[in-house]
Amino acid sequence: MKMFKIQKFVAQILILLFVLTLTNCSVKVGPNHSHAKTKQVPPGQAKKMSGQKSAKNYAPGHNK
């Protein structure tokens, strides 16, 4: 009878330790930030992709 109580107590401790180890795990989900510099699309290529006739809207410094 006493041995059964000890085994039950040990099993409870092991379960508690297992649960505590699972609660310490964390998964971060969010945007993927890259530190590498990305090239912007040249104004002429942006014009072609949008189908417009002028690249002025895509050139830096032409904010109309």
C-alpha atoms as a PDB file:
ATOM      1  CA  MET A   1       0.000   0.000   0.000  1.00  0.00           C
ATOM      2  CA  LYS A   2       2.806   2.384   0.921  1.00  0.00           C
ATOM      3  CA  MET A   3       4.695   1.529  -2.293  1.00  0.00           C
ATOM      4  CA  PHE A   4       1.619   2.379  -4.382  1.00  0.00           C
ATOM      5  CA  LYS A   5       1.420   5.863  -2.783  1.00  0.00           C
ATOM      6  CA  ILE A   6       5.116   6.486  -3.500  1.00  0.00           C
ATOM      7  CA  GLN A   7       4.709   5.416  -7.130  1.00  0.00           C
ATOM      8  CA  LYS A   8       1.646   7.633  -7.493  1.00  0.00           C
ATOM      9  CA  PHE A   9       3.524  10.576  -5.970  1.00  0.00           C
ATOM     10  CA  VAL A  10       6.505  10.050  -8.294  1.00  0.00           C
ATOM     11  CA  ALA A  11       4.181   9.829 -11.296  1.00  0.00           C
ATOM     12  CA  GLN A  12       2.504  13.111 -10.303  1.00  0.00           C
ATOM     13  CA  ILE A  13       5.883  14.825  -9.933  1.00  0.00           C
ATOM     14  CA  LEU A  14       6.991  13.571 -13.358  1.00  0.00           C
ATOM     15  CA  ILE A  15       3.758  14.773 -14.970  1.00  0.00           C
ATOM     16  CA  LEU A  16       4.137  18.160 -13.292  1.00  0.00           C
ATOM     17  CA  LEU A  17       7.733  18.487 -14.520  1.00  0.00           C
ATOM     18  CA  PHE A  18       6.675  17.504 -18.042  1.00  0.00           C
ATOM     19  CA  VAL A  19       3.899  20.111 -18.067  1.00  0.00           C
ATOM     20  CA  LEU A  20       6.278  22.782 -16.785  1.00  0.00           C
ATOM     21  CA  THR A  21       8.780  22.036 -19.532  1.00  0.00           C
ATOM     22  CA  LEU A  22       6.055  22.426 -22.152  1.00  0.00           C
ATOM     23  CA  THR A  23       4.931  25.785 -20.773  1.00  0.00           C
ATOM     24  CA  ASN A  24       8.445  27.198 -21.131  1.00  0.00           C
ATOM     25  CA  CYS A  25       8.420  26.650 -24.888  1.00  0.00           C
ATOM     26  CA  SER A  26       7.284  29.645 -26.882  1.00  0.00           C
ATOM     27  CA  VAL A  27       6.772  30.133 -30.581  1.00  0.00           C
ATOM     28  CA  LYS A  28       6.901  33.632 -31.991  1.00  0.00           C
ATOM     29  CA  VAL A  29       4.829  34.247 -35.066  1.00  0.00           C
ATOM     30  CA  GLY A  30       5.155  37.549 -36.820  1.00  0.00           C
ATOM     31  CA  PRO A  31       6.365  39.338 -39.890  1.00  0.00           C
ATOM     32  CA  ASN A  32       9.595  38.129 -41.389  1.00  0.00           C
ATOM     33  CA  HIS A  33      12.033  41.034 -41.167  1.00  0.00           C
ATOM     34  CA  SER A  34      15.073  40.776 -43.361  1.00  0.00           C
ATOM     35  CA  HIS A  35      18.098  42.924 -42.648  1.00  0.00           C
ATOM     36  CA  ALA A  36      19.320  42.647 -46.211  1.00  0.00           C
ATOM     37  CA  LYS A  37      18.771  45.684 -48.401  1.00  0.00           C
ATOM     38  CA  THR A  38      16.140  45.144 -51.057  1.00  0.00           C
ATOM     39  CA  LYS A  39      16.316  46.916 -54.376  1.00  0.00           C
ATOM     40  CA  GLN A  40      13.431  49.088 -55.408  1.00  0.00           C
ATOM     41  CA  VAL A  41      11.881  48.614 -58.808  1.00  0.00           C
ATOM     42  CA  PRO A  42      13.113  51.256 -61.297  1.00  0.00           C
ATOM     43  CA  PRO A  43      10.452  53.756 -62.424  1.00  0.00           C
ATOM     44  CA  GLY A  44      10.396  52.352 -65.969  1.00  0.00           C
ATOM     45  CA  GLN A  45       9.763  48.817 -64.742  1.00  0.00           C
ATOM     46  CA  ALA A  46       7.038  49.990 -62.342  1.00  0.00           C
ATOM     47  CA  LYS A  47       5.386  51.784 -65.271  1.00  0.00           C
ATOM     48  CA  LYS A  48       5.446  48.590 -67.330  1.00  0.00           C
ATOM     49  CA  MET A  49       3.961  46.530 -64.487  1.00  0.00           C
ATOM     50  CA  SER A  50       1.108  48.988 -63.938  1.00  0.00           C
ATOM     51  CA  GLY A  51       0.446  49.537 -67.624  1.00  0.00           C
ATOM     52  CA  GLN A  52       0.672  53.345 -67.496  1.00  0.00           C
ATOM     53  CA  LYS A  53       2.239  55.482 -70.214  1.00  0.00           C
ATOM     54  CA  SER A  54       4.392  57.687 -67.969  1.00  0.00           C
ATOM     55  CA  ALA A  55       7.014  56.704 -65.414  1.00  0.00           C
ATOM     56  CA  LYS A  56       6.905  60.151 -63.776  1.00  0.00           C
ATOM     57  CA  ASN A  57       4.603  58.911 -61.011  1.00  0.00           C
ATOM     58  CA  TYR A  58       7.141  56.285 -59.972  1.00  0.00           C
ATOM     59  CA  ALA A  59      10.279  58.441 -60.099  1.00  0.00           C
ATOM     60  CA  PRO A  60      11.609  59.731 -56.760  1.00  0.00           C
ATOM     61  CA  GLY A  61      11.007  63.448 -56.324  1.00  0.00           C
ATOM     62  CA  HIS A  62       7.897  63.505 -58.485  1.00  0.00           C
ATOM     63  CA  ASN A  63       5.165  63.309 -55.860  1.00  0.00           C
ATOM     64  CA  LYS A  64       2.124  64.795 -57.557  1.00  0.00           C
END
